[in-house]
Amino acid sequence: MKTLDLKKQFKYLYMPSAKKVEIIQVPKLQFVMIDGAIEKGSEPGKSTLFAEATQALYGISYTLKFMLKKRKTNAIDYPVMALEGLWWVEDGVFDITIKDNWFYTLMMMQPDVITRELFDEGLEQLRKKRGDAPALSKLRLTGFEEGLCVQVMHIGPYATEPATVDRMRAFAEENGYRDCVGPSASITRFISAIRAKLTSPS
């Protein structure tokens, strides 16, 4: 059986330094994604729709993993990767203390061996096993390239993330880079790693 060591291959993206802010180039990777928004009066940890989106992502990711691992020929094993998220607001400046106006794209990286045909087959298997949950119809398999970014590992509660983001932005500006997303967007979250898209120095 062939094993894809994705965590080792992409360690520089998923386990960056917590001490050193870095400027990196993130390649195009393949993800299963799902879009959504936090309901008014709620927050990610209490949102029913967010929980359903998360369950759908984990469900399809584990289904695809075991489809490849258990096939009779050319079996492949690989780890299910971390849950990630792109977060933003559409009605003002992002405030981490106000959580019911957040929009998101949740995503989990998939190896290139996962084709559109395998993805569709995995969805069909998942529906047969768990029923046709509404979130399953929102899943999509697509490539995503962040490109030039600044990143660092955040250690601590979500409430202290703004200080880490400020540290990243200061580092980027000191090195001649400009933040692409601005104050109305949050960051791409990789477990506790934080990454923000940049433009090159002029």
Protein backbone atom coordinates (compact mmCIF):
# COMPACT_ATOMS: atom_id res chain seq x y z
CA MET A 1 0.00 0.00 0.00
CA LYS A 2 1.30 3.44 -0.93
CA THR A 3 1.31 6.08 1.82
CA LEU A 4 1.13 9.82 1.20
CA ASP A 5 2.80 11.69 4.07
CA LEU A 6 0.90 14.93 3.58
CA LYS A 7 1.57 16.23 7.08
CA LYS A 8 5.31 15.92 6.55
CA GLN A 9 5.15 17.29 3.01
CA PHE A 10 3.21 20.39 4.07
CA LYS A 11 4.60 20.80 7.57
CA TYR A 12 5.78 24.32 6.73
CA LEU A 13 2.13 25.30 6.17
CA TYR A 14 0.42 23.44 9.00
CA MET A 15 3.03 23.61 11.76
CA PRO A 16 4.87 26.91 11.34
CA SER A 17 6.93 28.60 14.02
CA ALA A 18 5.12 30.40 16.84
CA LYS A 19 8.13 32.67 17.39
CA LYS A 20 9.06 33.65 13.86
CA VAL A 21 6.71 35.43 11.48
CA GLU A 22 7.44 34.32 7.91
CA ILE A 23 6.73 35.41 4.36
CA ILE A 24 5.89 32.32 2.30
CA GLN A 25 4.53 31.31 -1.09
CA VAL A 26 1.57 28.95 -0.73
CA PRO A 27 1.08 26.69 -3.77
CA LYS A 28 -2.20 25.69 -5.36
CA LEU A 29 -3.71 22.85 -3.33
CA GLN A 30 -6.90 20.82 -3.64
CA PHE A 31 -9.68 21.19 -1.08
CA VAL A 32 -13.20 20.14 -0.33
CA MET A 33 -14.97 23.38 0.58
CA ILE A 34 -18.31 24.56 1.92
CA ASP A 35 -19.62 28.11 2.33
CA GLY A 36 -21.82 29.48 5.08
CA ALA A 37 -22.53 32.20 7.61
CA ILE A 38 -22.99 32.32 11.36
CA GLU A 39 -26.63 32.82 12.34
CA LYS A 40 -27.65 36.03 14.08
CA GLY A 41 -27.31 35.72 17.84
CA SER A 42 -24.95 32.75 17.52
CA GLU A 43 -21.23 32.03 17.19
CA PRO A 44 -19.12 29.25 15.62
CA GLY A 45 -19.18 27.02 18.71
CA LYS A 46 -22.99 27.24 19.00
CA SER A 47 -24.08 27.51 15.36
CA THR A 48 -26.12 24.57 14.07
CA LEU A 49 -25.28 25.32 10.44
CA PHE A 50 -21.57 25.60 11.23
CA ALA A 51 -21.69 22.22 13.00
CA GLU A 52 -23.48 20.64 10.03
CA ALA A 53 -20.91 22.10 7.62
CA THR A 54 -18.07 20.74 9.74
CA GLN A 55 -19.68 17.29 9.94
CA ALA A 56 -20.12 17.23 6.17
CA LEU A 57 -16.45 18.08 5.61
CA TYR A 58 -15.20 15.42 7.99
CA GLY A 59 -17.69 12.93 6.61
CA ILE A 60 -16.58 13.27 2.99
CA SER A 61 -12.89 13.47 3.92
CA TYR A 62 -12.95 10.20 5.89
CA THR A 63 -15.13 8.54 3.24
CA LEU A 64 -12.62 9.41 0.51
CA LYS A 65 -9.69 8.29 2.65
CA PHE A 66 -11.15 4.84 3.27
CA MET A 67 -12.33 4.45 -0.32
CA LEU A 68 -8.70 4.69 -1.46
CA LYS A 69 -7.29 2.72 1.46
CA LYS A 70 -9.64 -0.23 0.98
CA ARG A 71 -9.60 -0.56 -2.78
CA LYS A 72 -8.23 -3.87 -4.06
CA THR A 73 -5.66 -2.40 -6.46
CA ASN A 74 -3.44 0.66 -6.08
CA ALA A 75 -4.50 1.19 -2.46
CA ILE A 76 -3.37 4.50 -1.00
CA ASP A 77 -3.35 5.69 2.60
CA TYR A 78 -3.05 9.30 3.73
CA PRO A 79 -4.03 11.37 6.77
CA VAL A 80 -7.23 13.38 6.90
CA MET A 81 -5.97 16.94 7.05
CA ALA A 82 -6.92 19.74 9.42
CA LEU A 83 -10.14 21.72 9.27
CA GLU A 84 -9.38 25.18 7.88
CA GLY A 85 -11.42 28.31 7.43
CA LEU A 86 -11.54 31.57 5.53
CA TRP A 87 -13.44 34.18 7.56
CA TRP A 88 -14.76 37.61 6.63
CA VAL A 89 -17.54 40.14 7.26
CA GLU A 90 -19.55 42.12 4.75
CA ASP A 91 -20.93 44.89 6.96
CA GLY A 92 -17.92 46.63 8.46
CA VAL A 93 -14.63 45.97 10.24
CA PHE A 94 -13.96 42.45 11.48
CA ASP A 95 -14.37 42.35 15.27
CA ILE A 96 -13.51 39.07 17.00
CA THR A 97 -15.95 39.89 19.83
CA ILE A 98 -18.89 40.15 17.39
CA LYS A 99 -19.39 36.71 15.88
CA ASP A 100 -22.88 36.60 14.39
CA ASN A 101 -21.96 38.53 11.23
CA TRP A 102 -19.16 36.21 10.17
CA PHE A 103 -19.12 34.52 6.78
CA TYR A 104 -16.90 31.52 6.16
CA THR A 105 -15.56 29.02 3.72
CA LEU A 106 -14.60 25.85 5.59
CA MET A 107 -12.16 23.54 3.84
CA MET A 108 -10.07 20.41 4.17
CA MET A 109 -7.11 19.67 1.92
CA GLN A 110 -7.33 16.57 -0.29
CA PRO A 111 -4.48 14.81 -2.12
CA ASP A 112 -4.31 15.17 -5.88
CA VAL A 113 -5.29 11.51 -6.28
CA ILE A 114 -8.85 12.51 -5.36
CA THR A 115 -10.53 13.10 -8.71
CA ARG A 116 -13.95 14.58 -9.45
CA GLU A 117 -15.24 11.06 -10.11
CA LEU A 118 -13.97 9.79 -6.74
CA PHE A 119 -15.44 12.84 -5.00
CA ASP A 120 -18.87 12.22 -6.55
CA GLU A 121 -18.67 8.54 -5.64
CA GLY A 122 -17.71 9.45 -2.08
CA LEU A 123 -20.68 11.80 -1.77
CA GLU A 124 -23.01 9.06 -2.95
CA GLN A 125 -21.60 6.62 -0.38
CA LEU A 126 -21.92 9.24 2.37
CA ARG A 127 -25.55 9.94 1.46
CA LYS A 128 -26.38 6.23 1.58
CA LYS A 129 -24.77 5.94 5.00
CA ARG A 130 -26.00 9.13 6.69
CA GLY A 131 -28.89 10.36 4.58
CA ASP A 132 -29.03 13.31 2.22
CA ALA A 133 -28.15 16.10 4.66
CA PRO A 134 -28.53 19.60 3.13
CA ALA A 135 -24.87 20.41 3.80
CA LEU A 136 -23.71 17.60 1.50
CA SER A 137 -25.14 19.36 -1.56
CA LYS A 138 -23.01 22.42 -0.73
CA LEU A 139 -19.68 20.57 -0.76
CA ARG A 140 -17.36 21.19 -3.68
CA LEU A 141 -13.94 19.91 -4.75
CA THR A 142 -11.73 22.69 -6.06
CA GLY A 143 -8.21 24.06 -6.23
CA PHE A 144 -7.20 27.06 -4.14
CA GLU A 145 -3.98 29.04 -4.32
CA GLU A 146 -3.23 31.58 -1.60
CA GLY A 147 0.04 32.69 -3.14
CA LEU A 148 2.18 35.19 -1.25
CA CYS A 149 1.31 35.20 2.46
CA VAL A 150 2.55 36.08 5.90
CA GLN A 151 2.09 33.40 8.56
CA VAL A 152 2.81 32.44 12.15
CA MET A 153 1.51 29.87 14.64
CA HIS A 154 -0.92 31.39 17.14
CA ILE A 155 -0.80 29.87 20.63
CA GLY A 156 -3.58 30.89 22.97
CA PRO A 157 -7.34 31.56 22.93
CA TYR A 158 -9.17 32.95 19.91
CA ALA A 159 -9.73 36.19 21.83
CA THR A 160 -6.03 37.02 21.62
CA GLU A 161 -5.73 36.36 17.88
CA PRO A 162 -6.02 40.07 16.93
CA ALA A 163 -2.70 40.72 18.65
CA THR A 164 -1.08 37.96 16.60
CA VAL A 165 -2.61 39.35 13.40
CA ASP A 166 -1.31 42.83 14.30
CA ARG A 167 2.14 41.32 14.77
CA MET A 168 1.94 39.74 11.33
CA ARG A 169 0.79 42.94 9.67
CA ALA A 170 3.55 44.93 11.34
CA PHE A 171 6.15 42.43 10.14
CA ALA A 172 4.76 42.55 6.61
CA GLU A 173 4.78 46.34 6.50
CA GLU A 174 8.32 46.50 7.90
CA ASN A 175 9.41 44.29 5.01
CA GLY A 176 7.62 46.29 2.33
CA TYR A 177 4.53 44.11 1.89
CA ARG A 178 0.88 45.15 1.94
CA ASP A 179 -2.08 43.27 3.39
CA CYS A 180 -4.51 42.26 0.62
CA VAL A 181 -7.57 41.57 2.73
CA GLY A 182 -7.79 44.70 4.86
CA PRO A 183 -9.69 45.24 8.14
CA SER A 184 -13.00 43.81 6.89
CA ALA A 185 -11.58 40.28 6.59
CA SER A 186 -10.03 37.88 9.01
CA ILE A 187 -7.38 35.34 8.21
CA THR A 188 -7.00 31.86 6.82
CA ARG A 189 -6.84 29.56 9.80
CA PHE A 190 -4.82 26.33 9.71
CA ILE A 191 -5.50 24.71 13.11
CA SER A 192 -3.86 27.48 15.19
CA ALA A 193 -1.70 28.78 12.38
CA ILE A 194 -2.63 32.14 10.95
CA ARG A 195 -1.99 33.26 7.42
CA ALA A 196 -2.90 36.47 5.61
CA LYS A 197 -2.54 37.21 1.90
CA LEU A 198 -0.09 39.90 0.78
CA THR A 199 0.92 41.85 -2.27
CA SER A 200 4.58 42.06 -3.24
CA PRO A 201 6.68 45.12 -2.44
CA SER A 202 6.39 47.74 -5.15
